[in-house]
Amino acid sequence: MKNIRKGPGYRWSHHHKTGMGEQTVSGYSIDNLDSKKYTEANSSYEKAFIIIREILSSDEYSKNFEEIQLLQACQDISDEIRSRRLLS
């Protein structure tokens, strides 16, 4: 399941098979990437997320997104870049 952005954090889950069947672990992590500044970023992932958020929040793009869509787009793009091992 992909990470679902909800304001200051995201909902996540991991599924894996065990000897007794399938196991799902899920939770909610707060990272404040909806409002964190670039200078406050703790990793290259957070820096990329904030840059993407700033670009999509600019006047040129913001009219095309509601805030929840904008943050989910940032989450999806950043997660995809990380999955390709371009971010740590």
PDB file of N, CA and C in Angstrom:
ATOM      1  N   MET A   1       0.845  -1.180   0.000  1.00  0.00           N
ATOM      2  CA  MET A   1       0.000   0.000   0.000  1.00  0.00           C
ATOM      3  C   MET A   1       0.888   1.240   0.000  1.00  0.00           C
ATOM      4  N   LYS A   2       0.529   2.220  -0.770  1.00  0.00           N
ATOM      5  CA  LYS A   2       1.328   3.434  -0.796  1.00  0.00           C
ATOM      6  C   LYS A   2       1.051   4.266   0.452  1.00  0.00           C
ATOM      7  N   ASN A   3       1.981   5.146   0.768  1.00  0.00           N
ATOM      8  CA  ASN A   3       1.808   6.044   1.898  1.00  0.00           C
ATOM      9  C   ASN A   3       0.723   7.062   1.568  1.00  0.00           C
ATOM     10  N   ILE A   4      -0.165   7.300   2.530  1.00  0.00           N
ATOM     11  CA  ILE A   4      -1.255   8.253   2.336  1.00  0.00           C
ATOM     12  C   ILE A   4      -0.998   9.464   3.218  1.00  0.00           C
ATOM     13  N   ARG A   5      -0.796  10.608   2.599  1.00  0.00           N
ATOM     14  CA  ARG A   5      -0.501  11.847   3.311  1.00  0.00           C
ATOM     15  C   ARG A   5      -1.758  12.386   3.967  1.00  0.00           C
ATOM     16  N   LYS A   6      -1.668  12.719   5.235  1.00  0.00           N
ATOM     17  CA  LYS A   6      -2.756  13.321   6.007  1.00  0.00           C
ATOM     18  C   LYS A   6      -2.178  14.480   6.793  1.00  0.00           C
ATOM     19  N   GLY A   7      -2.155  15.676   6.196  1.00  0.00           N
ATOM     20  CA  GLY A   7      -1.658  16.863   6.886  1.00  0.00           C
ATOM     21  C   GLY A   7      -0.204  16.734   7.307  1.00  0.00           C
ATOM     22  N   PRO A   8       0.073  16.788   8.615  1.00  0.00           N
ATOM     23  CA  PRO A   8       1.456  16.800   9.090  1.00  0.00           C
ATOM     24  C   PRO A   8       2.135  15.431   9.076  1.00  0.00           C
ATOM     25  N   GLY A   9       1.443  14.401   8.636  1.00  0.00           N
ATOM     26  CA  GLY A   9       2.030  13.060   8.644  1.00  0.00           C
ATOM     27  C   GLY A   9       1.474  12.195   7.537  1.00  0.00           C
ATOM     28  N   TYR A  10       1.766  10.902   7.619  1.00  0.00           N
ATOM     29  CA  TYR A  10       1.291   9.976   6.604  1.00  0.00           C
ATOM     30  C   TYR A  10       0.965   8.630   7.234  1.00  0.00           C
ATOM     31  N   ARG A  11      -0.010   7.970   6.634  1.00  0.00           N
ATOM     32  CA  ARG A  11      -0.409   6.627   7.043  1.00  0.00           C
ATOM     33  C   ARG A  11       0.370   5.635   6.186  1.00  0.00           C
ATOM     34  N   TRP A  12       0.932   4.612   6.821  1.00  0.00           N
ATOM     35  CA  TRP A  12       1.743   3.623   6.123  1.00  0.00           C
ATOM     36  C   TRP A  12       1.339   2.227   6.561  1.00  0.00           C
ATOM     37  N   SER A  13       1.699   1.257   5.735  1.00  0.00           N
ATOM     38  CA  SER A  13       1.506  -0.141   6.119  1.00  0.00           C
ATOM     39  C   SER A  13       2.500  -1.007   5.356  1.00  0.00           C
ATOM     40  N   HIS A  14       2.875  -2.103   5.994  1.00  0.00           N
ATOM     41  CA  HIS A  14       3.780  -3.078   5.399  1.00  0.00           C
ATOM     42  C   HIS A  14       3.124  -4.445   5.496  1.00  0.00           C
ATOM     43  N   HIS A  15       3.115  -5.162   4.390  1.00  0.00           N
ATOM     44  CA  HIS A  15       2.533  -6.499   4.340  1.00  0.00           C
ATOM     45  C   HIS A  15       3.654  -7.491   4.044  1.00  0.00           C
ATOM     46  N   HIS A  16       3.651  -8.609   4.756  1.00  0.00           N
ATOM     47  CA  HIS A  16       4.609  -9.656   4.433  1.00  0.00           C
ATOM     48  C   HIS A  16       4.069 -11.009   4.886  1.00  0.00           C
ATOM     49  N   LYS A  17       4.577 -12.025   4.217  1.00  0.00           N
ATOM     50  CA  LYS A  17       4.146 -13.390   4.524  1.00  0.00           C
ATOM     51  C   LYS A  17       5.024 -13.961   5.624  1.00  0.00           C
ATOM     52  N   THR A  18       4.383 -14.711   6.480  1.00  0.00           N
ATOM     53  CA  THR A  18       5.095 -15.406   7.547  1.00  0.00           C
ATOM     54  C   THR A  18       4.761 -16.886   7.450  1.00  0.00           C
ATOM     55  N   GLY A  19       5.357 -17.693   8.295  1.00  0.00           N
ATOM     56  CA  GLY A  19       5.055 -19.121   8.324  1.00  0.00           C
ATOM     57  C   GLY A  19       3.632 -19.404   8.764  1.00  0.00           C
ATOM     58  N   MET A  20       2.972 -18.411   9.356  1.00  0.00           N
ATOM     59  CA  MET A  20       1.609 -18.573   9.862  1.00  0.00           C
ATOM     60  C   MET A  20       0.584 -17.831   8.992  1.00  0.00           C
ATOM     61  N   GLY A  21       1.010 -17.280   7.861  1.00  0.00           N
ATOM     62  CA  GLY A  21       0.093 -16.531   6.998  1.00  0.00           C
ATOM     63  C   GLY A  21       0.667 -15.155   6.697  1.00  0.00           C
ATOM     64  N   GLU A  22      -0.214 -14.220   6.423  1.00  0.00           N
ATOM     65  CA  GLU A  22       0.226 -12.862   6.125  1.00  0.00           C
ATOM     66  C   GLU A  22       0.135 -11.991   7.368  1.00  0.00           C
ATOM     67  N   GLN A  23       1.058 -11.037   7.447  1.00  0.00           N
ATOM     68  CA  GLN A  23       1.057 -10.105   8.558  1.00  0.00           C
ATOM     69  C   GLN A  23       1.060  -8.692   7.997  1.00  0.00           C
ATOM     70  N   THR A  24       0.253  -7.823   8.582  1.00  0.00           N
ATOM     71  CA  THR A  24       0.215  -6.420   8.210  1.00  0.00           C
ATOM     72  C   THR A  24       0.542  -5.582   9.429  1.00  0.00           C
ATOM     73  N   VAL A  25       1.475  -4.678   9.251  1.00  0.00           N
ATOM     74  CA  VAL A  25       1.830  -3.718  10.285  1.00  0.00           C
ATOM     75  C   VAL A  25       1.546  -2.347   9.701  1.00  0.00           C
ATOM     76  N   SER A  26       0.838  -1.498  10.443  1.00  0.00           N
ATOM     77  CA  SER A  26       0.511  -0.181   9.925  1.00  0.00           C
ATOM     78  C   SER A  26       0.624   0.855  11.029  1.00  0.00           C
ATOM     79  N   GLY A  27       0.692   2.109  10.618  1.00  0.00           N
ATOM     80  CA  GLY A  27       0.800   3.180  11.591  1.00  0.00           C
ATOM     81  C   GLY A  27       0.691   4.535  10.941  1.00  0.00           C
ATOM     82  N   TYR A  28       0.919   5.547  11.733  1.00  0.00           N
ATOM     83  CA  TYR A  28       0.873   6.938  11.277  1.00  0.00           C
ATOM     84  C   TYR A  28       2.129   7.619  11.792  1.00  0.00           C
ATOM     85  N   SER A  29       2.877   8.229  10.895  1.00  0.00           N
ATOM     86  CA  SER A  29       4.115   8.924  11.260  1.00  0.00           C
ATOM     87  C   SER A  29       3.959  10.412  11.003  1.00  0.00           C
ATOM     88  N   ILE A  30       4.345  11.205  11.981  1.00  0.00           N
ATOM     89  CA  ILE A  30       4.285  12.670  11.841  1.00  0.00           C
ATOM     90  C   ILE A  30       5.677  13.165  11.474  1.00  0.00           C
ATOM     91  N   ASP A  31       5.747  13.902  10.362  1.00  0.00           N
ATOM     92  CA  ASP A  31       7.014  14.481   9.920  1.00  0.00           C
ATOM     93  C   ASP A  31       6.914  15.983   9.668  1.00  0.00           C
ATOM     94  N   ASN A  32       5.707  16.524   9.747  1.00  0.00           N
ATOM     95  CA  ASN A  32       5.443  17.958   9.556  1.00  0.00           C
ATOM     96  C   ASN A  32       5.898  18.488   8.203  1.00  0.00           C
ATOM     97  N   LEU A  33       5.924  17.632   7.181  1.00  0.00           N
ATOM     98  CA  LEU A  33       6.355  18.093   5.859  1.00  0.00           C
ATOM     99  C   LEU A  33       5.313  18.956   5.163  1.00  0.00           C
ATOM    100  N   ASP A  34       4.139  19.096   5.765  1.00  0.00           N
ATOM    101  CA  ASP A  34       3.140  20.014   5.216  1.00  0.00           C
ATOM    102  C   ASP A  34       3.517  21.465   5.490  1.00  0.00           C
ATOM    103  N   SER A  35       4.389  21.696   6.478  1.00  0.00           N
ATOM    104  CA  SER A  35       4.726  23.071   6.861  1.00  0.00           C
ATOM    105  C   SER A  35       6.221  23.296   7.127  1.00  0.00           C
ATOM    106  N   LYS A  36       7.008  22.245   7.134  1.00  0.00           N
ATOM    107  CA  LYS A  36       8.438  22.364   7.457  1.00  0.00           C
ATOM    108  C   LYS A  36       9.146  23.180   6.382  1.00  0.00           C
ATOM    109  N   LYS A  37      10.121  23.997   6.811  1.00  0.00           N
ATOM    110  CA  LYS A  37      10.923  24.789   5.889  1.00  0.00           C
ATOM    111  C   LYS A  37      12.127  23.973   5.426  1.00  0.00           C
ATOM    112  N   TYR A  38      12.661  24.348   4.274  1.00  0.00           N
ATOM    113  CA  TYR A  38      13.816  23.640   3.698  1.00  0.00           C
ATOM    114  C   TYR A  38      14.970  23.589   4.690  1.00  0.00           C
ATOM    115  N   THR A  39      15.206  24.672   5.402  1.00  0.00           N
ATOM    116  CA  THR A  39      16.319  24.732   6.350  1.00  0.00           C
ATOM    117  C   THR A  39      16.107  23.807   7.547  1.00  0.00           C
ATOM    118  N   GLU A  40      14.897  23.325   7.744  1.00  0.00           N
ATOM    119  CA  GLU A  40      14.577  22.416   8.846  1.00  0.00           C
ATOM    120  C   GLU A  40      14.615  20.941   8.427  1.00  0.00           C
ATOM    121  N   ALA A  41      14.831  20.680   7.147  1.00  0.00           N
ATOM    122  CA  ALA A  41      14.820  19.306   6.636  1.00  0.00           C
ATOM    123  C   ALA A  41      15.943  18.483   7.254  1.00  0.00           C
ATOM    124  N   ASN A  42      15.629  17.213   7.573  1.00  0.00           N
ATOM    125  CA  ASN A  42      16.587  16.319   8.213  1.00  0.00           C
ATOM    126  C   ASN A  42      17.205  15.295   7.270  1.00  0.00           C
ATOM    127  N   SER A  43      16.765  15.254   6.019  1.00  0.00           N
ATOM    128  CA  SER A  43      17.279  14.257   5.077  1.00  0.00           C
ATOM    129  C   SER A  43      17.077  14.751   3.651  1.00  0.00           C
ATOM    130  N   SER A  44      17.702  14.059   2.714  1.00  0.00           N
ATOM    131  CA  SER A  44      17.513  14.416   1.308  1.00  0.00           C
ATOM    132  C   SER A  44      16.062  14.177   0.884  1.00  0.00           C
ATOM    133  N   TYR A  45      15.410  13.151   1.476  1.00  0.00           N
ATOM    134  CA  TYR A  45      13.993  12.897   1.186  1.00  0.00           C
ATOM    135  C   TYR A  45      13.165  14.117   1.579  1.00  0.00           C
ATOM    136  N   GLU A  46      13.360  14.626   2.791  1.00  0.00           N
ATOM    137  CA  GLU A  46      12.593  15.786   3.248  1.00  0.00           C
ATOM    138  C   GLU A  46      12.888  17.013   2.395  1.00  0.00           C
ATOM    139  N   LYS A  47      14.154  17.199   2.011  1.00  0.00           N
ATOM    140  CA  LYS A  47      14.500  18.335   1.150  1.00  0.00           C
ATOM    141  C   LYS A  47      13.774  18.242  -0.185  1.00  0.00           C
ATOM    142  N   ALA A  48      13.756  17.050  -0.786  1.00  0.00           N
ATOM    143  CA  ALA A  48      13.061  16.871  -2.065  1.00  0.00           C
ATOM    144  C   ALA A  48      11.567  17.137  -1.908  1.00  0.00           C
ATOM    145  N   PHE A  49      10.955  16.602  -0.846  1.00  0.00           N
ATOM    146  CA  PHE A  49       9.526  16.801  -0.604  1.00  0.00           C
ATOM    147  C   PHE A  49       9.221  18.293  -0.508  1.00  0.00           C
ATOM    148  N   ILE A  50      10.028  19.031   0.250  1.00  0.00           N
ATOM    149  CA  ILE A  50       9.788  20.459   0.458  1.00  0.00           C
ATOM    150  C   ILE A  50       9.961  21.232  -0.846  1.00  0.00           C
ATOM    151  N   ILE A  51      10.986  20.901  -1.631  1.00  0.00           N
ATOM    152  CA  ILE A  51      11.171  21.572  -2.930  1.00  0.00           C
ATOM    153  C   ILE A  51       9.966  21.318  -3.829  1.00  0.00           C
ATOM    154  N   ILE A  52       9.513  20.083  -3.903  1.00  0.00           N
ATOM    155  CA  ILE A  52       8.346  19.746  -4.726  1.00  0.00           C
ATOM    156  C   ILE A  52       7.123  20.500  -4.219  1.00  0.00           C
ATOM    157  N   ARG A  53       6.923  20.533  -2.896  1.00  0.00           N
ATOM    158  CA  ARG A  53       5.786  21.254  -2.310  1.00  0.00           C
ATOM    159  C   ARG A  53       5.842  22.738  -2.655  1.00  0.00           C
ATOM    160  N   GLU A  54       7.024  23.342  -2.567  1.00  0.00           N
ATOM    161  CA  GLU A  54       7.165  24.766  -2.878  1.00  0.00           C
ATOM    162  C   GLU A  54       6.850  25.044  -4.342  1.00  0.00           C
ATOM    163  N   ILE A  55       7.310  24.179  -5.232  1.00  0.00           N
ATOM    164  CA  ILE A  55       7.039  24.369  -6.665  1.00  0.00           C
ATOM    165  C   ILE A  55       5.545  24.241  -6.941  1.00  0.00           C
ATOM    166  N   LEU A  56       4.929  23.171  -6.422  1.00  0.00           N
ATOM    167  CA  LEU A  56       3.503  22.954  -6.686  1.00  0.00           C
ATOM    168  C   LEU A  56       2.607  23.964  -5.970  1.00  0.00           C
ATOM    169  N   SER A  57       3.133  24.626  -4.934  1.00  0.00           N
ATOM    170  CA  SER A  57       2.365  25.638  -4.206  1.00  0.00           C
ATOM    171  C   SER A  57       2.474  27.014  -4.865  1.00  0.00           C
ATOM    172  N   SER A  58       3.384  27.147  -5.822  1.00  0.00           N
ATOM    173  CA  SER A  58       3.560  28.439  -6.478  1.00  0.00           C
ATOM    174  C   SER A  58       2.296  28.804  -7.257  1.00  0.00           C
ATOM    175  N   ASP A  59       2.150  30.076  -7.536  1.00  0.00           N
ATOM    176  CA  ASP A  59       0.955  30.562  -8.238  1.00  0.00           C
ATOM    177  C   ASP A  59       0.731  29.844  -9.559  1.00  0.00           C
ATOM    178  N   GLU A  60       1.813  29.468 -10.217  1.00  0.00           N
ATOM    179  CA  GLU A  60       1.713  28.812 -11.519  1.00  0.00           C
ATOM    180  C   GLU A  60       0.968  27.478 -11.445  1.00  0.00           C
ATOM    181  N   TYR A  61       1.126  26.745 -10.345  1.00  0.00           N
ATOM    182  CA  TYR A  61       0.548  25.411 -10.217  1.00  0.00           C
ATOM    183  C   TYR A  61      -0.582  25.304  -9.204  1.00  0.00           C
ATOM    184  N   SER A  62      -0.581  26.140  -8.178  1.00  0.00           N
ATOM    185  CA  SER A  62      -1.491  25.944  -7.041  1.00  0.00           C
ATOM    186  C   SER A  62      -2.963  25.988  -7.425  1.00  0.00           C
ATOM    187  N   LYS A  63      -3.305  26.671  -8.484  1.00  0.00           N
ATOM    188  CA  LYS A  63      -4.719  26.731  -8.894  1.00  0.00           C
ATOM    189  C   LYS A  63      -5.223  25.375  -9.396  1.00  0.00           C
ATOM    190  N   ASN A  64      -4.293  24.450  -9.674  1.00  0.00           N
ATOM    191  CA  ASN A  64      -4.667  23.135 -10.183  1.00  0.00           C
ATOM    192  C   ASN A  64      -4.835  22.081  -9.083  1.00  0.00           C
ATOM    193  N   PHE A  65      -4.480  22.424  -7.846  1.00  0.00           N
ATOM    194  CA  PHE A  65      -4.509  21.452  -6.756  1.00  0.00           C
ATOM    195  C   PHE A  65      -5.223  22.000  -5.534  1.00  0.00           C
ATOM    196  N   GLU A  66      -5.960  21.138  -4.861  1.00  0.00           N
ATOM    197  CA  GLU A  66      -6.394  21.441  -3.506  1.00  0.00           C
ATOM    198  C   GLU A  66      -5.230  21.034  -2.613  1.00  0.00           C
ATOM    199  N   GLU A  67      -5.170  21.547  -1.384  1.00  0.00           N
ATOM    200  CA  GLU A  67      -4.012  21.273  -0.527  1.00  0.00           C
ATOM    201  C   GLU A  67      -3.792  19.789  -0.302  1.00  0.00           C
ATOM    202  N   ILE A  68      -4.851  19.035  -0.070  1.00  0.00           N
ATOM    203  CA  ILE A  68      -4.677  17.597   0.189  1.00  0.00           C
ATOM    204  C   ILE A  68      -4.133  16.883  -1.051  1.00  0.00           C
ATOM    205  N   GLN A  69      -4.542  17.300  -2.240  1.00  0.00           N
ATOM    206  CA  GLN A  69      -4.022  16.704  -3.473  1.00  0.00           C
ATOM    207  C   GLN A  69      -2.556  17.083  -3.670  1.00  0.00           C
ATOM    208  N   LEU A  70      -2.229  18.332  -3.373  1.00  0.00           N
ATOM    209  CA  LEU A  70      -0.862  18.805  -3.520  1.00  0.00           C
ATOM    210  C   LEU A  70       0.073  18.014  -2.613  1.00  0.00           C
ATOM    211  N   LEU A  71      -0.315  17.835  -1.342  1.00  0.00           N
ATOM    212  CA  LEU A  71       0.539  17.104  -0.409  1.00  0.00           C
ATOM    213  C   LEU A  71       0.664  15.632  -0.795  1.00  0.00           C
ATOM    214  N   GLN A  72      -0.418  15.026  -1.302  1.00  0.00           N
ATOM    215  CA  GLN A  72      -0.341  13.633  -1.735  1.00  0.00           C
ATOM    216  C   GLN A  72       0.553  13.503  -2.957  1.00  0.00           C
ATOM    217  N   ALA A  73       0.491  14.473  -3.871  1.00  0.00           N
ATOM    218  CA  ALA A  73       1.378  14.456  -5.041  1.00  0.00           C
ATOM    219  C   ALA A  73       2.838  14.539  -4.590  1.00  0.00           C
ATOM    220  N   CYS A  74       3.134  15.391  -3.619  1.00  0.00           N
ATOM    221  CA  CYS A  74       4.496  15.491  -3.082  1.00  0.00           C
ATOM    222  C   CYS A  74       4.929  14.166  -2.474  1.00  0.00           C
ATOM    223  N   GLN A  75       4.030  13.532  -1.730  1.00  0.00           N
ATOM    224  CA  GLN A  75       4.317  12.240  -1.103  1.00  0.00           C
ATOM    225  C   GLN A  75       4.625  11.190  -2.175  1.00  0.00           C
ATOM    226  N   ASP A  76       3.762  11.108  -3.190  1.00  0.00           N
ATOM    227  CA  ASP A  76       3.925  10.107  -4.245  1.00  0.00           C
ATOM    228  C   ASP A  76       5.222  10.309  -5.022  1.00  0.00           C
ATOM    229  N   ILE A  77       5.515  11.551  -5.382  1.00  0.00           N
ATOM    230  CA  ILE A  77       6.724  11.839  -6.159  1.00  0.00           C
ATOM    231  C   ILE A  77       7.971  11.526  -5.333  1.00  0.00           C
ATOM    232  N   SER A  78       7.990  11.993  -4.089  1.00  0.00           N
ATOM    233  CA  SER A  78       9.151  11.755  -3.224  1.00  0.00           C
ATOM    234  C   SER A  78       9.349  10.266  -2.954  1.00  0.00           C
ATOM    235  N   ASP A  79       8.253   9.543  -2.713  1.00  0.00           N
ATOM    236  CA  ASP A  79       8.357   8.097  -2.489  1.00  0.00           C
ATOM    237  C   ASP A  79       8.889   7.379  -3.722  1.00  0.00           C
ATOM    238  N   GLU A  80       8.445   7.785  -4.897  1.00  0.00           N
ATOM    239  CA  GLU A  80       8.906   7.148  -6.131  1.00  0.00           C
ATOM    240  C   GLU A  80      10.391   7.421  -6.359  1.00  0.00           C
ATOM    241  N   ILE A  81      10.818   8.654  -6.117  1.00  0.00           N
ATOM    242  CA  ILE A  81      12.237   8.985  -6.274  1.00  0.00           C
ATOM    243  C   ILE A  81      13.069   8.152  -5.293  1.00  0.00           C
ATOM    244  N   ARG A  82      12.587   8.003  -4.053  1.00  0.00           N
ATOM    245  CA  ARG A  82      13.315   7.202  -3.060  1.00  0.00           C
ATOM    246  C   ARG A  82      13.331   5.724  -3.460  1.00  0.00           C
ATOM    247  N   SER A  83      12.228   5.224  -4.019  1.00  0.00           N
ATOM    248  CA  SER A  83      12.177   3.808  -4.402  1.00  0.00           C
ATOM    249  C   SER A  83      13.168   3.502  -5.534  1.00  0.00           C
ATOM    250  N   ARG A  84      13.530   4.512  -6.278  1.00  0.00           N
ATOM    251  CA  ARG A  84      14.519   4.339  -7.341  1.00  0.00           C
ATOM    252  C   ARG A  84      15.940   4.598  -6.845  1.00  0.00           C
ATOM    253  N   ARG A  85      16.053   4.712  -5.531  1.00  0.00           N
ATOM    254  CA  ARG A  85      17.331   4.880  -4.835  1.00  0.00           C
ATOM    255  C   ARG A  85      18.051   6.176  -5.198  1.00  0.00           C
ATOM    256  N   LEU A  86      17.268   7.214  -5.518  1.00  0.00           N
ATOM    257  CA  LEU A  86      17.866   8.521  -5.795  1.00  0.00           C
ATOM    258  C   LEU A  86      17.894   9.382  -4.540  1.00  0.00           C
ATOM    259  N   LEU A  87      17.153   8.953  -3.513  1.00  0.00           N
ATOM    260  CA  LEU A  87      17.117   9.645  -2.219  1.00  0.00           C
ATOM    261  C   LEU A  87      17.328   8.639  -1.104  1.00  0.00           C
ATOM    262  N   SER A  88      17.842   9.121   0.003  1.00  0.00           N
ATOM    263  CA  SER A  88      18.000   8.244   1.174  1.00  0.00           C
ATOM    264  C   SER A  88      17.008   8.610   2.249  1.00  0.00           C
TER     265      SER A  88
END
